[in-house]
Protein backbone atom coordinates (compact mmCIF):
# COMPACT_ATOMS: atom_id res chain seq x y z
CA UNK A 1 164.90 115.28 60.08
CA UNK A 2 167.90 113.84 62.12
CA UNK A 3 165.67 110.72 63.43
CA UNK A 4 163.84 110.32 59.92
CA UNK A 5 166.97 110.55 57.73
CA UNK A 6 168.81 108.04 60.13
CA UNK A 7 166.17 105.33 60.34
CA UNK A 8 165.73 105.69 56.33
CA UNK A 9 169.50 105.52 55.74
CA UNK A 10 170.07 102.59 58.06
CA UNK A 11 167.13 101.04 56.23
CA UNK A 12 168.44 101.55 52.87
CA UNK A 13 171.65 99.99 53.75
CA UNK A 14 169.99 96.89 55.18
CA UNK A 15 167.81 96.64 51.73
CA UNK A 16 171.12 96.78 49.79
CA UNK A 17 172.93 94.29 52.44
CA UNK A 18 169.83 91.73 52.03
CA UNK A 19 169.38 92.14 48.14
CA UNK A 20 173.13 91.37 47.80
CA UNK A 21 173.17 88.48 49.94
CA UNK A 22 169.82 86.80 49.42
CA UNK A 23 168.50 88.54 46.19
CA UNK A 24 165.29 89.81 47.95
CA UNK A 25 163.58 92.99 46.77
CA UNK A 26 161.74 93.89 49.63
CA UNK A 27 159.23 95.83 47.62
CA UNK A 28 161.94 98.05 46.07
CA UNK A 29 164.71 100.23 47.46
CA UNK A 30 162.92 103.09 49.16
CA UNK A 31 159.55 101.26 49.95
CA UNK A 32 160.06 99.77 53.52
CA UNK A 33 162.34 102.53 55.18
CA UNK A 34 160.22 105.39 54.03
CA UNK A 35 156.92 103.55 54.99
CA UNK A 36 158.55 103.06 58.27
CA UNK A 37 159.10 106.69 58.64
CA UNK A 38 155.58 107.46 57.23
CA UNK A 39 153.81 105.11 59.74
CA UNK A 40 155.67 107.01 62.86
CA UNK A 41 154.31 110.12 61.22
CA UNK A 42 150.70 108.89 60.87
CA UNK A 43 149.67 105.34 61.59
CA UNK A 44 147.01 105.26 58.95
CA UNK A 45 149.52 104.94 56.44
CA UNK A 46 150.40 101.33 57.12
CA UNK A 47 146.28 100.14 56.32
CA UNK A 48 146.41 102.23 53.21
CA UNK A 49 149.68 100.96 51.90
CA UNK A 50 148.61 97.34 52.48
CA UNK A 51 145.26 97.59 50.87
CA UNK A 52 146.61 99.68 48.08
CA UNK A 53 149.50 97.08 47.55
CA UNK A 54 146.93 93.94 47.44
CA UNK A 55 144.97 95.79 44.66
CA UNK A 56 147.86 96.98 42.78
CA UNK A 57 149.16 93.50 42.83
CA UNK A 58 146.05 92.00 42.01
CA UNK A 59 145.59 94.38 39.15
CA UNK A 60 148.83 93.91 37.60
CA UNK A 61 148.13 90.03 37.73
CA UNK A 62 144.97 90.37 35.81
CA UNK A 63 146.94 92.87 33.39
CA UNK A 64 149.65 90.35 32.94
CA UNK A 65 147.37 87.49 32.25
CA UNK A 66 145.24 89.34 29.79
CA UNK A 67 147.64 91.48 27.88
CA UNK A 68 151.13 91.14 26.41
CA UNK A 69 152.33 94.05 28.63
CA UNK A 70 155.97 93.52 30.26
CA UNK A 71 158.94 95.35 31.60
CA UNK A 72 158.79 99.27 31.98
CA UNK A 73 154.67 98.95 31.29
CA UNK A 74 153.96 96.77 34.17
CA UNK A 75 155.54 99.39 36.24
CA UNK A 76 153.45 101.89 35.27
CA UNK A 77 150.35 99.59 35.39
CA UNK A 78 151.14 98.75 39.08
CA UNK A 79 151.94 102.21 39.99
CA UNK A 80 148.76 103.38 38.31
CA UNK A 81 146.40 101.19 40.32
CA UNK A 82 148.70 101.51 43.65
CA UNK A 83 148.74 105.22 43.24
CA UNK A 84 144.99 105.32 42.23
CA UNK A 85 143.46 103.90 45.69
CA UNK A 86 145.13 106.52 48.03
CA UNK A 87 144.71 109.30 45.70
CA UNK A 88 141.07 108.91 45.23
CA UNK A 89 140.67 108.74 48.88
CA UNK A 90 142.53 111.95 49.36
CA UNK A 91 140.62 113.70 46.65
CA UNK A 92 137.01 112.33 47.37
CA UNK A 93 137.53 112.48 51.16
CA UNK A 94 140.43 114.61 52.14
CA UNK A 95 138.60 116.87 54.22
CA UNK A 96 138.11 114.03 56.45
CA UNK A 97 141.63 113.52 56.96
CA UNK A 98 144.10 115.46 59.16
CA UNK A 99 146.56 117.66 57.22
CA UNK A 100 149.64 115.34 58.15
CA UNK A 101 147.90 112.17 56.73
CA UNK A 102 147.07 114.19 53.44
CA UNK A 103 150.44 114.95 53.05
CA UNK A 104 152.13 111.66 53.59
CA UNK A 105 149.59 110.19 51.40
CA UNK A 106 149.96 112.40 48.64
CA UNK A 107 153.73 111.94 48.44
CA UNK A 108 153.53 108.50 49.40
CA UNK A 109 151.21 107.21 46.69
CA UNK A 110 154.10 105.49 44.52
CA UNK A 111 154.83 103.20 47.40
CA UNK A 112 152.11 100.59 46.77
CA UNK A 113 152.47 100.43 43.04
CA UNK A 114 156.48 99.76 43.57
CA UNK A 115 156.06 97.28 46.30
CA UNK A 116 153.28 95.36 43.96
CA UNK A 117 155.76 95.27 40.95
CA UNK A 118 158.77 94.22 42.81
CA UNK A 119 156.67 91.36 44.52
CA UNK A 120 155.31 90.16 40.87
CA UNK A 121 159.05 90.18 39.77
CA UNK A 122 160.12 87.32 42.00
CA UNK A 123 159.87 83.69 41.55
CA UNK A 124 156.98 82.16 43.36
CA UNK A 125 159.06 80.25 45.64
CA UNK A 126 160.76 83.13 47.04
CA UNK A 127 157.79 85.38 47.76
CA UNK A 128 156.84 84.12 51.25
CA UNK A 129 160.38 84.85 52.61
CA UNK A 130 160.73 88.04 50.78
CA UNK A 131 157.41 89.14 52.45
CA UNK A 132 158.61 88.18 55.76
CA UNK A 133 162.02 89.90 55.62
CA UNK A 134 160.31 92.74 54.57
CA UNK A 135 157.99 92.72 57.35
CA UNK A 136 160.44 91.98 59.85
CA UNK A 137 162.56 95.02 58.37
CA UNK A 138 159.60 97.29 58.64
CA UNK A 139 158.88 96.32 62.34
CA UNK A 140 162.84 96.76 63.46
CA UNK A 141 162.78 100.15 61.74
CA UNK A 142 159.52 101.43 63.41
CA UNK A 143 160.75 100.06 66.66
CA UNK A 144 163.79 102.33 66.11
CA UNK A 145 161.94 105.14 65.52
CA UNK A 146 159.92 104.49 68.56
CA UNK A 147 162.98 104.44 70.61
CA UNK A 148 164.27 107.57 69.42
CA UNK A 149 161.18 109.66 69.54
CA UNK A 150 161.02 110.40 73.52
CA UNK A 151 160.58 113.41 75.47
CA UNK A 152 164.05 113.09 76.62
CA UNK A 153 165.59 113.24 73.47
CA UNK A 154 163.36 115.95 72.07
CA UNK A 155 165.57 118.86 72.87
CA UNK A 156 168.74 117.10 71.36
CA UNK A 157 167.48 115.25 68.54
CA UNK A 158 164.44 117.00 67.88
CA UNK A 159 166.06 120.56 67.81
CA UNK A 160 169.43 119.50 66.26
CA UNK A 161 167.72 119.79 62.64
CA UNK A 162 164.56 121.20 61.13
CA UNK A 163 161.97 119.09 62.66
CA UNK A 164 160.17 116.27 60.76
CA UNK A 165 159.06 113.46 63.32
CA UNK A 166 159.29 115.73 66.41
CA UNK A 167 156.03 117.70 65.41
CA UNK A 168 152.73 117.85 66.51
CA UNK A 169 151.59 116.31 63.56
CA UNK A 170 153.43 113.17 64.17
CA UNK A 171 151.34 110.36 65.88
CA UNK A 172 154.17 108.92 67.67
CA UNK A 173 155.56 112.21 69.01
CA UNK A 174 151.84 113.39 70.11
CA UNK A 175 151.42 109.95 71.85
CA UNK A 176 154.71 110.12 73.89
CA UNK A 177 154.45 113.68 74.78
CA UNK A 178 157.73 114.41 72.65
CA UNK A 179 156.15 116.85 70.15
CA UNK A 180 157.71 120.06 69.76
CA UNK A 181 155.81 123.41 69.14
CA UNK A 182 156.22 124.16 65.53
CA UNK A 183 154.61 126.19 62.82
CA UNK A 184 152.09 124.14 60.59
CA UNK A 185 153.15 123.81 57.11
CA UNK A 186 150.64 125.62 54.84
CA UNK A 187 149.34 123.77 51.69
CA UNK A 188 151.00 125.13 48.89
CA UNK A 189 148.93 123.46 45.92
CA UNK A 190 145.72 122.26 46.08
CA UNK A 191 145.46 118.24 45.80
CA UNK A 192 143.66 117.70 42.49
CA UNK A 193 145.92 120.16 41.03
CA UNK A 194 149.33 118.63 42.30
CA UNK A 195 147.75 115.24 40.96
CA UNK A 196 147.18 116.69 37.64
CA UNK A 197 151.04 118.17 37.82
CA UNK A 198 152.24 114.44 38.71
CA UNK A 199 150.56 113.02 35.85
CA UNK A 200 152.18 115.50 33.59
CA UNK A 201 155.38 114.74 35.09
CA UNK A 202 155.01 110.94 34.57
CA UNK A 203 154.16 111.75 30.76
CA UNK A 204 157.30 113.86 30.27
CA UNK A 205 159.52 111.53 32.18
CA UNK A 206 158.16 108.53 29.75
CA UNK A 207 158.68 110.59 26.83
CA UNK A 208 162.18 111.54 27.80
CA UNK A 209 162.94 107.99 28.33
CA UNK A 210 161.35 107.00 25.25
CA UNK A 211 163.29 109.41 23.07
CA UNK A 212 166.51 109.96 24.78
CA UNK A 213 166.94 106.69 26.85
CA UNK A 214 167.42 108.63 30.08
CA UNK A 215 165.48 108.21 33.20
CA UNK A 216 164.53 111.45 34.90
CA UNK A 217 162.52 110.22 38.05
CA UNK A 218 158.83 109.72 37.80
CA UNK A 219 157.87 112.36 40.03
CA UNK A 220 161.05 114.08 40.97
CA UNK A 221 160.94 117.12 39.05
CA UNK A 222 157.13 117.97 39.43
CA UNK A 223 157.84 117.54 43.37
CA UNK A 224 160.80 119.79 43.28
CA UNK A 225 158.69 122.33 41.53
CA UNK A 226 156.27 122.49 44.18
CA UNK A 227 158.97 122.40 46.90
CA UNK A 228 160.49 125.64 44.95
CA UNK A 229 157.14 127.42 45.85
CA UNK A 230 157.98 126.70 49.54
CA UNK A 231 161.80 127.57 49.75
CA UNK A 232 164.41 128.28 47.05
CA UNK A 233 166.89 126.67 49.51
CA UNK A 234 165.51 123.28 48.99
CA UNK A 235 166.35 123.77 45.03
CA UNK A 236 169.67 124.18 46.08
CA UNK A 237 169.94 121.61 48.62
CA UNK A 238 168.82 118.94 45.51
CA UNK A 239 171.20 120.54 43.42
CA UNK A 240 174.28 120.36 45.87
CA UNK A 241 173.05 116.80 46.89
CA UNK A 242 172.75 115.64 43.25
CA UNK A 243 176.30 116.62 42.65
CA UNK A 244 177.54 115.12 45.83
CA UNK A 245 175.70 111.74 45.17
CA UNK A 246 176.83 111.39 42.08
CA UNK A 247 180.70 111.79 42.84
CA UNK A 248 180.15 109.30 45.78
CA UNK A 249 178.20 106.85 43.56
CA UNK A 250 181.22 107.07 40.93
CA UNK A 251 183.83 106.39 43.36
CA UNK A 252 182.17 103.50 45.14
CA UNK A 253 181.13 102.11 41.60
CA UNK A 254 184.92 102.18 40.60
CA UNK A 255 186.15 101.11 43.55
CA UNK A 256 183.54 98.17 44.65
CA UNK A 257 181.88 97.41 41.11
CA UNK A 258 178.69 97.28 43.02
CA UNK A 259 175.51 97.90 40.75
CA UNK A 260 171.85 97.85 40.62
CA UNK A 261 169.66 97.86 43.94
CA UNK A 262 172.76 97.81 46.23
CA UNK A 263 174.51 100.74 44.55
CA UNK A 264 170.99 102.74 44.73
CA UNK A 265 170.51 101.90 48.37
CA UNK A 266 174.07 103.03 49.30
CA UNK A 267 173.78 106.45 47.25
CA UNK A 268 170.55 107.10 48.71
CA UNK A 269 171.51 106.43 52.22
CA UNK A 270 174.68 108.75 51.59
CA UNK A 271 172.61 111.41 50.21
CA UNK A 272 170.30 111.45 53.18
CA UNK A 273 173.31 111.44 55.91
CA UNK A 274 175.22 114.22 53.90
CA UNK A 275 172.17 116.38 53.70
CA UNK A 276 171.92 116.44 57.41
CA UNK A 277 174.91 119.09 57.73
CA UNK A 278 173.83 120.75 54.71
CA UNK A 279 170.64 121.45 55.75
CA UNK A 280 171.94 123.08 59.04
CA UNK A 281 173.92 125.44 56.79
CA UNK A 282 171.24 126.60 54.83
CA UNK A 283 167.88 128.44 56.21
CA UNK A 284 165.66 125.45 55.74
CA UNK A 285 162.77 125.02 58.26
CA UNK A 286 161.10 122.31 56.72
CA UNK A 287 162.42 118.86 57.62
CA UNK A 288 160.06 116.57 55.92
CA UNK A 289 160.55 118.39 52.70
CA UNK A 290 164.48 118.38 52.96
CA UNK A 291 164.20 114.58 53.69
CA UNK A 292 162.16 114.05 50.65
CA UNK A 293 164.82 116.22 48.65
CA UNK A 294 167.66 114.18 49.69
CA UNK A 295 166.18 110.88 48.29
CA UNK A 296 165.24 112.60 45.13
CA UNK A 297 168.66 113.80 44.72
CA UNK A 298 169.93 110.04 45.43
CA UNK A 299 167.71 108.49 43.26
CA UNK A 300 168.39 111.16 40.53
CA UNK A 301 172.32 110.45 40.93
CA UNK A 302 171.71 106.89 40.38
CA UNK A 303 169.64 107.57 37.21
CA UNK A 304 172.52 109.77 35.86
CA UNK A 305 175.07 107.21 36.52
CA UNK A 306 173.19 104.35 34.72
CA UNK A 307 172.76 106.43 31.43
CA UNK A 308 175.21 105.59 28.71
CA UNK A 309 178.49 107.35 28.65
CA UNK A 310 177.77 109.74 25.58
CA UNK A 311 174.22 110.28 26.94
CA UNK A 312 175.34 111.39 30.34
CA UNK A 313 176.06 114.91 29.30
CA UNK A 314 172.12 114.96 28.18
CA UNK A 315 170.89 114.59 32.08
CA UNK A 316 171.55 117.86 33.36
CA UNK A 317 169.81 119.90 30.50
CA UNK A 318 166.91 117.52 30.40
CA UNK A 319 166.60 118.06 34.40
CA UNK A 320 166.91 121.85 33.81
CA UNK A 321 164.69 122.04 31.09
CA UNK A 322 161.77 119.79 32.68
CA UNK A 323 161.93 121.85 35.80
CA UNK A 324 161.85 124.89 33.76
CA UNK A 325 158.72 123.87 32.49
CA UNK A 326 157.00 122.49 35.77
CA UNK A 327 158.07 125.43 37.89
CA UNK A 328 155.80 127.92 35.84
CA UNK A 329 153.04 125.55 36.12
CA UNK A 330 153.11 125.08 39.76
CA UNK A 331 153.50 128.79 40.31
CA UNK A 332 150.50 129.59 38.34
CA UNK A 333 148.35 127.30 40.17
CA UNK A 334 150.00 127.18 43.51
CA UNK A 335 150.65 129.38 46.68
CA UNK A 336 154.13 131.28 47.00
CA UNK A 337 155.71 131.12 50.53
CA UNK A 338 158.12 134.29 51.54
CA UNK A 339 161.16 131.98 50.77
CA UNK A 340 159.76 130.64 47.59
CA UNK A 341 160.75 131.47 44.34
CA UNK A 342 159.87 133.02 41.87
CA UNK A 343 158.30 135.91 43.89
CA UNK A 344 157.04 137.71 40.98
CA UNK A 345 155.35 135.81 38.04
CA UNK A 346 154.30 137.57 35.28
CA UNK A 347 155.60 137.67 31.52
CA UNK A 348 159.25 138.35 32.03
CA UNK A 349 159.49 135.29 34.58
CA UNK A 350 157.42 133.04 31.93
CA UNK A 351 159.72 133.84 29.04
CA UNK A 352 162.92 133.32 31.17
CA UNK A 353 161.38 129.50 31.57
CA UNK A 354 160.48 129.25 28.07
CA UNK A 355 163.84 130.31 27.01
CA UNK A 356 165.45 127.97 29.29
CA UNK A 357 163.78 124.96 28.34
CA UNK A 358 164.38 125.90 24.56
CA UNK A 359 167.75 126.28 25.14
CA UNK A 360 167.93 123.17 27.07
CA UNK A 361 166.04 121.09 24.31
CA UNK A 362 168.33 122.57 21.36
CA UNK A 363 171.26 121.25 23.46
CA UNK A 364 169.91 117.87 23.79
CA UNK A 365 168.87 117.84 20.23
CA UNK A 366 172.26 118.93 19.05
CA UNK A 367 174.42 116.03 21.19
CA UNK A 368 171.58 113.30 20.78
CA UNK A 369 172.77 110.62 18.04
CA UNK A 370 169.82 108.70 16.57
CA UNK A 371 170.12 105.17 15.78
CA UNK A 372 169.04 104.34 12.25
CA UNK A 373 165.57 102.68 11.73
CA UNK A 374 165.48 99.03 11.04
CA UNK A 375 164.31 99.94 7.40
CA UNK A 376 167.05 102.05 6.73
CA UNK A 377 169.65 99.61 7.64
CA UNK A 378 168.00 96.87 5.70
CA UNK A 379 168.01 98.94 2.62
CA UNK A 380 171.41 99.91 2.80
CA UNK A 381 172.75 96.33 3.71
CA UNK A 382 174.43 94.30 0.78
CA UNK A 383 173.02 91.18 2.36
CA UNK A 384 169.54 92.11 1.94
CA UNK A 385 169.06 90.71 -1.55
CA UNK A 386 166.92 93.20 -2.36
CA UNK A 387 163.97 91.61 -0.56
CA UNK A 388 162.51 92.76 2.86
CA UNK A 389 161.13 89.48 4.84
């Protein structure tokens, strides 16, 4: 985990600096650094990413030319097309792929859509420079990973934290004879079921955004529910890192007034680095899972911070309530590991989940102040003159 977190955190900081100085998007905050780690894990991720991004870009261009979609809907379309290619390959031909490739393709399927959307948002005269800069950043990060994954460093960098890139399922580590013997991580959820859970999570996330105006993360909570089946300590890591990242982000924003991509880059880099010592204090053995949890926590902290002041208190109950819905669904269809929770799953556990979700919903509704509709405002206005145009 140490190498993966270090490379990615360094990449996030570079993305923030480049965005601040030149205004480039570089495929989004997380795309290039995470893709570099994925490529070190399995080299096939690069052509899959490139193909999916091209198709998502072309598909989004056609949709924009023929419809009036804009803003958030453009992102969802791009992610739908970009995710469709790797997920269809995974569901249709998953048996032909090694487990290491199936894992990174599944979790990394959101990256092509993000990259295509961000590329579309650039002015045409900046796109070539943005692409060249992103390519240079990607090559540099992969080169850093190549230099850090060696047999000589395996006993230090590889064993210092739960393994992520020093495993027998990592292409670079195997090629350079630097792989450590580790237990293979079992599949927790069948891929088609996990895809369905992600789609449900996306639907819930968009409903929450539309009704309450808060961003929950498109796949954060479904992914966290799956990780809960592997280890309860991963959930604890998320909670701790979410709080620490929010505090760090608030302080940085207060002192520097940084915002946007620069702030989310800085916060997510902090979450990755801060997660390393906390991971050592907890009985976590899944390095790559802890790596993803730290990224989710950093992004979640940014979403929490960007909520309008009165609505920030709704973020925690919304996250908890959504997680309470996703966890029973994952538990009912997935495999529970020895450190996962809930170990027992019957009517009492299901009732507790429903109760938590209902209580969170009641709290959110109680504290939500809805804006009056346009018709109500017009009818109450003394300036309407009695006629509505």
